[in-house]
């Protein structure tokens, strides 16, 4: 048995030293199951190491390597401890309880699936990174679109846009009002202009009639006052109108600027919230996100098939020893150990029954003898007879009890010899010869000294 075979036998659940007396053909099934256990252990270690490496991206490289190494040891230990012991139990069980076997299988599959729910999220990006990245991008885009609509409604962007449009229209109206005077103001200005034009014609007519300029002004003094009054009134009205309109324009411009500032502030707040949400989603919606995986599986049938195949391979890899053992059945070595267990149990039960029987008989005899002796010892004559009979009884019983004890010891040693022969079949002939020689020597000793087993005559 070389070192590799010893290692595989240990992985198969056995101690190599216990199987050194079996031939290679008998040890081969155990070694093959051990190789399957080693494969499953390596799969589990790799699965856990990749998961730890993926979940510790925020750590430094040294810490990530340490976490991956520790996780791989955990995955390796689960298979080497749990599956190795279960394979050994199946192989050496005399009568397998199917209910217990089914319960263990369900629990083991449940443990694999529970662990896979954590580790597969990290392992899948290795095989399905592009599919998961596309699903993550689609989720982010859909979330961004929904968030934009929600924030627009929360900050009332449509209402602010309407208010800005109304303020702009008001500013434009007032700007036009400054360049286009209202009809009443224009009418007054025209009336004053017409008054001066009429005054000028009248003055020209007076000069044409021979009046001097001073005489003409004197004659038209009243008309001049009327025109001046109309002109002052028209210009005052125009000035009041322009001042009022400019004040309204300034106020409208301030309102427009206020509305634009409100819209700008809302857009800035929305942009900041979008940036914050985008950073959070970039960290949350990645290849290891459950939402991304669910979205991919629910919308992409091809990705679902690929995911099922990968998980089936991972599950089969970790459960390979149990599957192979279920198909291979019990090995010859396992059957022999199971038979030895049953034989040992029978031997122990038989010894317990014999001890209980002997104890019951001895108790009954002692109790009866004690009662009889106590009754008989009341008579002095009986005490004398009892002493004599008790001495004879002891002298006759002692050799018989010695012989009975010797036979019982021989029976127990015979069972031990059978057990040793079953464990070391290659030495069976030598062991039987030594045992036969010991029995023959015992018979010779007893035959040469019959007084040890025969009662002395009274």
Protein backbone atom coordinates (compact mmCIF):
# COMPACT_ATOMS: atom_id res chain seq x y z
CA UNK A 1 0.00 0.00 0.00
CA UNK A 2 1.66 3.21 -1.19
CA UNK A 3 1.20 6.72 0.19
CA UNK A 4 -1.39 7.82 -2.38
CA UNK A 5 -3.54 4.77 -1.73
CA UNK A 6 -3.32 5.37 2.02
CA UNK A 7 -4.42 8.96 1.50
CA UNK A 8 -7.39 7.93 -0.66
CA UNK A 9 -8.38 5.23 1.85
CA UNK A 10 -8.35 7.83 4.62
CA UNK A 11 -10.52 10.10 2.50
CA UNK A 12 -12.88 7.16 2.01
CA UNK A 13 -13.50 7.11 5.78
CA UNK A 14 -11.14 4.30 6.88
CA UNK A 15 -7.85 4.24 8.72
CA UNK A 16 -5.24 2.80 6.35
CA UNK A 17 -3.66 0.70 9.13
CA UNK A 18 -6.93 -1.20 9.56
CA UNK A 19 -6.99 -2.25 5.89
CA UNK A 20 -3.37 -3.32 5.44
CA UNK A 21 -4.33 -7.01 5.73
CA UNK A 22 -6.82 -6.81 2.86
CA UNK A 23 -5.76 -7.35 -0.74
CA UNK A 24 -5.67 -4.45 -3.27
CA UNK A 25 -8.85 -5.58 -4.98
CA UNK A 26 -10.77 -5.31 -1.72
CA UNK A 27 -9.29 -1.87 -0.99
CA UNK A 28 -9.95 -0.46 -4.47
CA UNK A 29 -13.64 0.56 -3.95
CA UNK A 30 -12.72 2.44 -0.77
CA UNK A 31 -9.87 4.29 -2.53
CA UNK A 32 -12.14 5.29 -5.42
CA UNK A 33 -14.72 6.74 -3.04
CA UNK A 34 -11.86 8.60 -1.34
CA UNK A 35 -10.85 10.11 -4.69
CA UNK A 36 -14.45 11.32 -5.14
CA UNK A 37 -14.37 12.87 -1.66
CA UNK A 38 -11.13 14.67 -2.57
CA UNK A 39 -12.69 16.04 -5.77
CA UNK A 40 -15.76 17.27 -3.88
CA UNK A 41 -13.54 18.85 -1.23
CA UNK A 42 -11.56 20.72 -3.89
CA UNK A 43 -14.76 21.93 -5.54
CA UNK A 44 -16.09 23.15 -2.21
CA UNK A 45 -12.79 24.86 -1.35
CA UNK A 46 -12.63 26.63 -4.72
CA UNK A 47 -16.28 27.67 -4.46
CA UNK A 48 -15.81 29.19 -1.02
CA UNK A 49 -12.49 30.84 -1.91
CA UNK A 50 -13.97 32.58 -4.96
CA UNK A 51 -16.90 33.76 -2.85
CA UNK A 52 -14.64 35.21 -0.16
CA UNK A 53 -12.45 36.93 -2.75
CA UNK A 54 -15.49 38.52 -4.40
CA UNK A 55 -17.17 39.65 -1.17
CA UNK A 56 -14.00 41.35 0.16
CA UNK A 57 -13.29 43.74 -2.70
CA UNK A 58 -13.14 46.68 -0.29
CA UNK A 59 -10.19 45.13 1.58
CA UNK A 60 -6.52 45.15 0.71
CA UNK A 61 -4.98 42.33 -1.31
CA UNK A 62 -3.34 40.66 1.67
CA UNK A 63 -6.61 40.65 3.62
CA UNK A 64 -8.48 39.33 0.60
CA UNK A 65 -6.01 36.47 0.21
CA UNK A 66 -6.37 35.68 3.91
CA UNK A 67 -10.16 35.68 3.69
CA UNK A 68 -10.09 33.47 0.58
CA UNK A 69 -7.72 31.02 2.29
CA UNK A 70 -9.87 30.84 5.43
CA UNK A 71 -13.04 30.35 3.38
CA UNK A 72 -11.43 27.58 1.31
CA UNK A 73 -10.46 25.79 4.54
CA UNK A 74 -14.09 26.00 5.69
CA UNK A 75 -15.40 24.56 2.41
CA UNK A 76 -12.73 21.84 2.48
CA UNK A 77 -13.52 20.91 6.10
CA UNK A 78 -17.26 20.60 5.47
CA UNK A 79 -16.70 17.91 2.86
CA UNK A 80 -13.84 16.12 4.65
CA UNK A 81 -15.66 15.98 7.97
CA UNK A 82 -19.32 15.57 7.08
CA UNK A 83 -19.28 13.64 3.79
CA UNK A 84 -16.32 11.45 4.76
CA UNK A 85 -18.04 10.31 7.96
CA UNK A 86 -21.33 9.72 6.17
CA UNK A 87 -19.68 7.61 3.45
CA UNK A 88 -18.02 5.50 6.13
CA UNK A 89 -21.32 5.11 7.99
CA UNK A 90 -23.10 3.91 4.85
CA UNK A 91 -20.33 1.44 4.04
CA UNK A 92 -20.14 -0.13 7.51
CA UNK A 93 -23.82 -0.06 8.48
CA UNK A 94 -25.30 -3.50 8.95
CA UNK A 95 -28.88 -2.50 8.21
CA UNK A 96 -29.28 1.00 6.78
CA UNK A 97 -32.28 2.94 7.99
CA UNK A 98 -33.71 4.34 4.78
CA UNK A 99 -35.54 7.09 6.64
CA UNK A 100 -32.33 8.24 8.31
CA UNK A 101 -30.48 8.02 5.00
CA UNK A 102 -33.15 10.14 3.29
CA UNK A 103 -33.09 12.66 6.14
CA UNK A 104 -29.32 13.07 5.86
CA UNK A 105 -29.53 13.42 2.08
CA UNK A 106 -32.17 16.14 2.41
CA UNK A 107 -30.17 17.97 5.07
CA UNK A 108 -26.94 17.72 3.08
CA UNK A 109 -28.60 19.01 -0.10
CA UNK A 110 -30.19 21.78 1.97
CA UNK A 111 -26.80 22.78 3.36
CA UNK A 112 -25.28 22.80 -0.13
CA UNK A 113 -28.14 24.90 -1.50
CA UNK A 114 -28.01 27.29 1.46
CA UNK A 115 -24.28 27.76 1.06
CA UNK A 116 -24.65 28.02 -2.72
CA UNK A 117 -27.14 30.87 -2.27
CA UNK A 118 -24.18 32.84 -0.87
CA UNK A 119 -21.28 31.44 -2.83
CA UNK A 120 -22.98 31.11 -6.22
CA UNK A 121 -23.60 34.86 -6.25
CA UNK A 122 -19.85 35.28 -6.26
CA UNK A 123 -19.05 32.31 -8.51
CA UNK A 124 -21.62 33.09 -11.21
CA UNK A 125 -19.92 36.34 -12.36
CA UNK A 126 -16.96 34.19 -13.41
CA UNK A 127 -19.19 32.33 -15.88
CA UNK A 128 -22.01 34.84 -16.54
CA UNK A 129 -20.33 38.21 -16.02
CA UNK A 130 -21.53 39.78 -19.31
CA UNK A 131 -25.15 38.68 -18.80
CA UNK A 132 -25.22 40.01 -15.26
CA UNK A 133 -23.57 43.30 -16.30
CA UNK A 134 -26.23 43.89 -18.97
CA UNK A 135 -29.03 43.16 -16.48
CA UNK A 136 -27.42 45.50 -13.93
CA UNK A 137 -27.27 48.29 -16.55
CA UNK A 138 -30.91 47.74 -17.52
CA UNK A 139 -32.01 47.93 -13.89
CA UNK A 140 -30.02 51.13 -13.35
CA UNK A 141 -31.49 52.77 -16.46
CA UNK A 142 -35.02 51.79 -15.51
CA UNK A 143 -34.48 53.00 -11.98
CA UNK A 144 -33.04 56.31 -13.24
CA UNK A 145 -36.07 56.90 -15.47
CA UNK A 146 -38.51 56.19 -12.64
CA UNK A 147 -36.51 58.36 -10.24
CA UNK A 148 -36.48 61.31 -12.68
CA UNK A 149 -40.27 61.21 -12.97
CA UNK A 150 -40.65 60.92 -9.21
CA UNK A 151 -38.30 63.83 -8.50
CA UNK A 152 -39.98 65.98 -11.16
CA UNK A 153 -43.31 65.47 -9.45
CA UNK A 154 -41.83 66.00 -5.97
CA UNK A 155 -40.16 69.32 -6.93
CA UNK A 156 -43.10 70.36 -9.18
CA UNK A 157 -40.95 71.02 -12.25
CA UNK A 158 -43.98 71.33 -14.59
CA UNK A 159 -45.47 74.00 -12.33
CA UNK A 160 -42.18 75.86 -12.16
CA UNK A 161 -41.85 75.73 -15.95
CA UNK A 162 -45.35 77.18 -16.30
CA UNK A 163 -44.60 79.94 -13.77
CA UNK A 164 -41.41 80.88 -15.66
CA UNK A 165 -43.31 81.00 -18.95
CA UNK A 166 -45.97 83.22 -17.43
CA UNK A 167 -43.34 85.53 -15.90
CA UNK A 168 -41.58 85.76 -19.29
CA UNK A 169 -44.80 86.63 -21.03
CA UNK A 170 -45.47 89.36 -18.46
CA UNK A 171 -41.96 90.82 -18.94
CA UNK A 172 -42.37 90.75 -22.70
CA UNK A 173 -45.76 92.48 -22.41
CA UNK A 174 -44.34 95.25 -20.24
CA UNK A 175 -41.36 95.70 -22.56
CA UNK A 176 -43.74 96.16 -25.46
CA UNK A 177 -45.80 98.57 -23.35
CA UNK A 178 -42.75 100.83 -23.01
CA UNK A 179 -42.38 101.10 -26.76
CA UNK A 180 -46.09 101.25 -27.57
CA UNK A 181 -47.95 103.93 -25.57
CA UNK A 182 -51.63 103.37 -24.81
CA UNK A 183 -54.28 105.18 -26.88
CA UNK A 184 -55.28 107.72 -24.21
CA UNK A 185 -51.67 108.86 -23.71
CA UNK A 186 -51.11 109.05 -27.46
CA UNK A 187 -54.39 110.99 -27.83
CA UNK A 188 -53.28 113.61 -25.33
CA UNK A 189 -49.88 113.91 -26.99
CA UNK A 190 -51.55 114.28 -30.42
CA UNK A 191 -54.01 116.83 -29.03
CA UNK A 192 -51.16 118.93 -27.61
CA UNK A 193 -49.24 118.63 -30.89
CA UNK A 194 -52.32 119.72 -32.88
CA UNK A 195 -52.80 122.66 -30.52
CA UNK A 196 -49.30 123.91 -31.23
CA UNK A 197 -49.72 123.32 -34.93
CA UNK A 198 -52.96 125.40 -34.88
CA UNK A 199 -51.17 128.07 -32.77
CA UNK A 200 -48.35 128.23 -35.31
CA UNK A 201 -50.78 128.69 -38.24
CA UNK A 202 -52.66 131.43 -36.43
CA UNK A 203 -49.39 133.20 -35.65
CA UNK A 204 -48.37 132.94 -39.29
CA UNK A 205 -51.69 134.41 -40.39
CA UNK A 206 -51.27 137.36 -37.99
CA UNK A 207 -47.81 138.08 -39.33
CA UNK A 208 -49.16 137.92 -42.82
CA UNK A 209 -51.73 140.59 -41.88
CA UNK A 210 -48.94 142.90 -40.83
CA UNK A 211 -48.73 142.26 -37.08
CA UNK A 212 -45.36 142.21 -35.52
CA UNK A 213 -44.06 139.17 -33.65
CA UNK A 214 -44.70 140.79 -30.28
CA UNK A 215 -48.20 141.82 -31.30
CA UNK A 216 -48.89 138.33 -32.63
CA UNK A 217 -47.68 136.74 -29.37
CA UNK A 218 -49.77 139.13 -27.39
CA UNK A 219 -52.84 138.34 -29.41
CA UNK A 220 -52.20 134.56 -29.09
CA UNK A 221 -51.22 134.60 -25.41
CA UNK A 222 -54.37 132.78 -24.33
CA UNK A 223 -53.96 130.12 -27.05
CA UNK A 224 -50.34 129.69 -26.04
CA UNK A 225 -51.38 129.02 -22.42
CA UNK A 226 -53.91 126.42 -23.57
CA UNK A 227 -51.31 124.62 -25.70
CA UNK A 228 -48.74 124.73 -22.95
CA UNK A 229 -51.29 123.36 -20.50
CA UNK A 230 -52.25 120.53 -22.86
CA UNK A 231 -48.56 119.78 -23.57
CA UNK A 232 -47.66 119.67 -19.86
CA UNK A 233 -50.64 117.43 -19.12
CA UNK A 234 -49.82 115.07 -22.01
CA UNK A 235 -46.14 114.79 -21.05
CA UNK A 236 -47.01 114.28 -17.40
CA UNK A 237 -49.43 111.51 -18.31
CA UNK A 238 -46.79 109.92 -20.55
CA UNK A 239 -44.16 110.21 -17.82
CA UNK A 240 -46.44 108.68 -15.17
CA UNK A 241 -47.32 105.87 -17.53
CA UNK A 242 -43.69 105.11 -18.35
CA UNK A 243 -42.63 105.27 -14.70
CA UNK A 244 -45.43 102.92 -13.68
CA UNK A 245 -44.67 100.56 -16.55
CA UNK A 246 -40.93 100.53 -15.79
CA UNK A 247 -41.65 99.77 -12.14
CA UNK A 248 -43.91 96.90 -13.18
CA UNK A 249 -41.21 95.69 -15.60
CA UNK A 250 -38.61 95.70 -12.83
CA UNK A 251 -40.95 93.75 -10.54
CA UNK A 252 -41.86 91.31 -13.33
CA UNK A 253 -38.16 90.81 -14.10
CA UNK A 254 -37.49 90.07 -10.44
CA UNK A 255 -40.36 87.58 -10.40
CA UNK A 256 -39.00 85.95 -13.57
CA UNK A 257 -35.52 85.70 -12.04
CA UNK A 258 -37.00 84.26 -8.84
CA UNK A 259 -38.87 81.62 -10.81
CA UNK A 260 -35.71 80.78 -12.76
CA UNK A 261 -33.73 80.52 -9.51
CA UNK A 262 -36.36 78.17 -8.08
CA UNK A 263 -36.19 76.01 -11.20
CA UNK A 264 -32.40 76.05 -11.14
CA UNK A 265 -32.39 75.05 -7.46
CA UNK A 266 -34.84 72.24 -8.12
CA UNK A 267 -32.73 70.98 -11.03
CA UNK A 268 -29.58 71.15 -8.88
CA UNK A 269 -31.29 69.20 -6.08
CA UNK A 270 -32.53 66.63 -8.56
CA UNK A 271 -29.08 66.33 -10.11
CA UNK A 272 -27.47 65.84 -6.69
CA UNK A 273 -30.02 63.20 -5.71
CA UNK A 274 -29.55 61.46 -9.04
CA UNK A 275 -25.77 61.43 -8.57
CA UNK A 276 -26.09 60.04 -5.04
CA UNK A 277 -28.61 57.41 -6.12
CA UNK A 278 -26.44 56.48 -9.10
CA UNK A 279 -23.44 55.91 -6.85
CA UNK A 280 -25.52 53.77 -4.49
CA UNK A 281 -26.99 51.77 -7.36
CA UNK A 282 -23.59 51.23 -8.94
CA UNK A 283 -22.45 49.66 -5.67
CA UNK A 284 -25.70 47.73 -5.14
CA UNK A 285 -26.65 46.66 -8.67
CA UNK A 286 -23.61 44.63 -9.66
CA UNK A 287 -22.91 41.08 -10.80
CA UNK A 288 -23.42 39.76 -7.24
CA UNK A 289 -26.76 41.47 -6.64
CA UNK A 290 -29.79 39.26 -6.05
CA UNK A 291 -32.05 41.74 -7.86
CA UNK A 292 -29.80 41.64 -10.90
CA UNK A 293 -29.78 37.84 -10.88
CA UNK A 294 -33.57 37.68 -10.53
CA UNK A 295 -34.06 40.21 -13.33
CA UNK A 296 -31.73 38.26 -15.60
CA UNK A 297 -33.39 34.91 -14.89
CA UNK A 298 -36.92 36.29 -15.27
CA UNK A 299 -36.28 38.10 -18.56
CA UNK A 300 -33.65 36.00 -20.35
CA UNK A 301 -34.53 32.30 -20.88
CA UNK A 302 -31.08 31.49 -22.29
CA UNK A 303 -29.42 32.91 -19.17
CA UNK A 304 -31.80 30.85 -17.01
CA UNK A 305 -30.74 27.64 -18.76
CA UNK A 306 -27.06 28.53 -18.35
CA UNK A 307 -27.62 29.34 -14.65
CA UNK A 308 -29.35 25.98 -14.07
CA UNK A 309 -26.49 24.11 -15.75
CA UNK A 310 -23.84 25.89 -13.66
CA UNK A 311 -25.69 25.29 -10.38
CA UNK A 312 -26.28 21.66 -11.33
CA UNK A 313 -22.56 21.16 -11.94
CA UNK A 314 -21.65 22.85 -8.64
CA UNK A 315 -24.21 20.80 -6.73
CA UNK A 316 -23.14 17.56 -8.42
CA UNK A 317 -19.48 18.30 -7.69
CA UNK A 318 -20.10 18.71 -3.95
CA UNK A 319 -22.47 15.74 -3.73
CA UNK A 320 -20.34 13.45 -5.94
CA UNK A 321 -19.16 11.15 -3.08
CA UNK A 322 -22.72 10.53 -1.91
CA UNK A 323 -23.95 9.89 -5.45
CA UNK A 324 -21.13 7.46 -6.22
CA UNK A 325 -21.59 5.65 -2.91
CA UNK A 326 -25.32 5.32 -3.51
CA UNK A 327 -24.62 3.74 -6.91
CA UNK A 328 -21.66 1.57 -5.84
CA UNK A 329 -23.29 0.06 -2.77
CA UNK A 330 -21.50 -1.51 0.19
CA UNK A 331 -17.90 -2.71 -0.26
CA UNK A 332 -16.69 -6.13 0.87
CA UNK A 333 -14.62 -4.49 3.58
CA UNK A 334 -17.66 -2.60 4.76
CA UNK A 335 -19.72 -5.80 4.81
CA UNK A 336 -17.03 -7.55 6.86
CA UNK A 337 -16.85 -4.70 9.37
CA UNK A 338 -20.63 -4.62 9.58
CA UNK A 339 -20.65 -8.36 10.30
CA UNK A 340 -18.00 -7.88 12.99
CA UNK A 341 -20.11 -5.16 14.57
CA UNK A 342 -23.12 -7.47 14.62
CA UNK A 343 -21.02 -10.31 16.03
CA UNK A 344 -19.64 -8.04 18.74
CA UNK A 345 -23.14 -6.87 19.58
CA UNK A 346 -24.36 -10.49 19.80
CA UNK A 347 -21.43 -11.38 22.03
CA UNK A 348 -22.06 -8.45 24.36
CA UNK A 349 -25.79 -9.20 24.53
CA UNK A 350 -25.13 -12.87 25.26
CA UNK A 351 -22.70 -12.00 28.04
CA UNK A 352 -25.18 -9.56 29.53
CA UNK A 353 -27.96 -12.18 29.46
CA UNK A 354 -25.68 -14.82 31.03
CA UNK A 355 -24.57 -12.42 33.76
CA UNK A 356 -28.17 -11.47 34.51
CA UNK A 357 -29.15 -15.16 34.67
CA UNK A 358 -26.25 -16.07 36.94
CA UNK A 359 -26.98 -13.15 39.20
CA UNK A 360 -30.66 -14.10 39.44
CA UNK A 361 -29.87 -17.75 40.23
CA UNK A 362 -27.22 -16.82 42.77
CA UNK A 363 -29.56 -14.37 44.46
CA UNK A 364 -32.35 -16.96 44.66
CA UNK A 365 -30.02 -19.63 46.04
CA UNK A 366 -28.53 -17.27 48.58
CA UNK A 367 -31.92 -16.07 49.69
CA UNK A 368 -33.33 -19.61 50.04
CA UNK A 369 -30.22 -20.91 51.73
CA UNK A 370 -30.18 -18.05 54.17
CA UNK A 371 -33.80 -18.59 55.15
CA UNK A 372 -33.32 -22.36 55.54
CA UNK A 373 -30.14 -21.95 57.54
CA UNK A 374 -31.69 -19.40 59.84
CA UNK A 375 -34.63 -21.75 60.48
CA UNK A 376 -32.48 -24.83 61.00
CA UNK A 377 -29.93 -23.16 63.22
CA UNK A 378 -32.57 -22.72 65.86
CA UNK A 379 -32.02 -26.41 66.73
CA UNK A 380 -28.55 -27.30 68.22
CA UNK A 381 -28.59 -30.73 66.61
CA UNK A 382 -29.32 -29.22 63.24
CA UNK A 383 -26.43 -26.81 63.64
CA UNK A 384 -24.09 -29.79 64.02
CA UNK A 385 -25.54 -31.53 60.95
CA UNK A 386 -25.48 -28.27 58.97
CA UNK A 387 -21.83 -27.69 59.67
CA UNK A 388 -21.00 -31.18 58.43
CA UNK A 389 -23.17 -30.93 55.28
CA UNK A 390 -21.95 -27.41 54.46
CA UNK A 391 -18.36 -28.61 54.56
CA UNK A 392 -19.16 -31.49 52.19
CA UNK A 393 -21.12 -29.13 49.87
CA UNK A 394 -18.27 -26.69 49.64
CA UNK A 395 -15.76 -29.43 48.92
CA UNK A 396 -17.99 -30.79 46.10
CA UNK A 397 -19.03 -27.39 44.63
CA UNK A 398 -15.62 -25.77 44.43
CA UNK A 399 -14.21 -27.98 41.62
CA UNK A 400 -17.45 -27.74 39.65
CA UNK A 401 -17.49 -23.95 39.86
CA UNK A 402 -13.85 -23.86 38.80
CA UNK A 403 -14.60 -26.04 35.77
CA UNK A 404 -17.65 -23.92 34.87
CA UNK A 405 -15.62 -20.73 35.12
CA UNK A 406 -12.91 -22.28 32.97
CA UNK A 407 -15.40 -23.28 30.25
CA UNK A 408 -16.96 -19.82 30.25
CA UNK A 409 -13.54 -18.25 29.85
CA UNK A 410 -12.75 -20.60 26.98
CA UNK A 411 -15.99 -19.65 25.22
CA UNK A 412 -15.19 -15.92 25.51
CA UNK A 413 -11.66 -16.43 24.25
CA UNK A 414 -13.02 -18.48 21.33
CA UNK A 415 -15.17 -15.51 20.28
CA UNK A 416 -12.14 -13.25 20.55
CA UNK A 417 -10.14 -15.62 18.38
CA UNK A 418 -12.89 -15.61 15.73
CA UNK A 419 -12.91 -11.83 15.72
CA UNK A 420 -9.13 -11.62 15.33
CA UNK A 421 -9.26 -14.12 12.47
CA UNK A 422 -11.93 -12.02 10.69
CA UNK A 423 -9.74 -8.92 11.00
CA UNK A 424 -6.53 -10.65 9.94
CA UNK A 425 -7.54 -13.44 7.56
CA UNK A 426 -4.00 -14.01 6.31
CA UNK A 427 -2.98 -15.15 9.82
CA UNK A 428 -6.04 -17.36 10.32
CA UNK A 429 -4.14 -20.65 10.07
CA UNK A 430 -1.43 -19.60 12.50
CA UNK A 431 -4.00 -18.29 15.00
CA UNK A 432 -6.08 -21.51 14.79
CA UNK A 433 -3.00 -23.67 15.33
CA UNK A 434 -2.00 -21.66 18.41
CA UNK A 435 -5.53 -21.81 19.82
CA UNK A 436 -5.84 -25.58 19.18
CA UNK A 437 -2.50 -26.15 20.89
CA UNK A 438 -3.65 -24.12 23.91
CA UNK A 439 -6.89 -26.18 24.16
CA UNK A 440 -4.97 -29.46 23.88
CA UNK A 441 -2.58 -28.42 26.64
CA UNK A 442 -5.52 -27.48 28.88
CA UNK A 443 -7.15 -30.89 28.30
CA UNK A 444 -3.88 -32.66 29.12
CA UNK A 445 -3.53 -30.70 32.37
CA UNK A 446 -7.12 -31.44 33.42
CA UNK A 447 -6.75 -35.14 32.51
CA UNK A 448 -3.55 -35.43 34.54
CA UNK A 449 -5.15 -33.75 37.58
CA UNK A 450 -8.76 -35.01 37.76
CA UNK A 451 -8.94 -34.17 41.44
CA UNK A 452 -9.31 -30.49 40.45
CA UNK A 453 -12.72 -31.16 38.89
CA UNK A 454 -13.98 -34.20 40.87
CA UNK A 455 -15.49 -33.84 44.31
CA UNK A 456 -13.68 -35.56 47.18
CA UNK A 457 -15.52 -38.55 48.67
CA UNK A 458 -17.31 -37.88 51.93
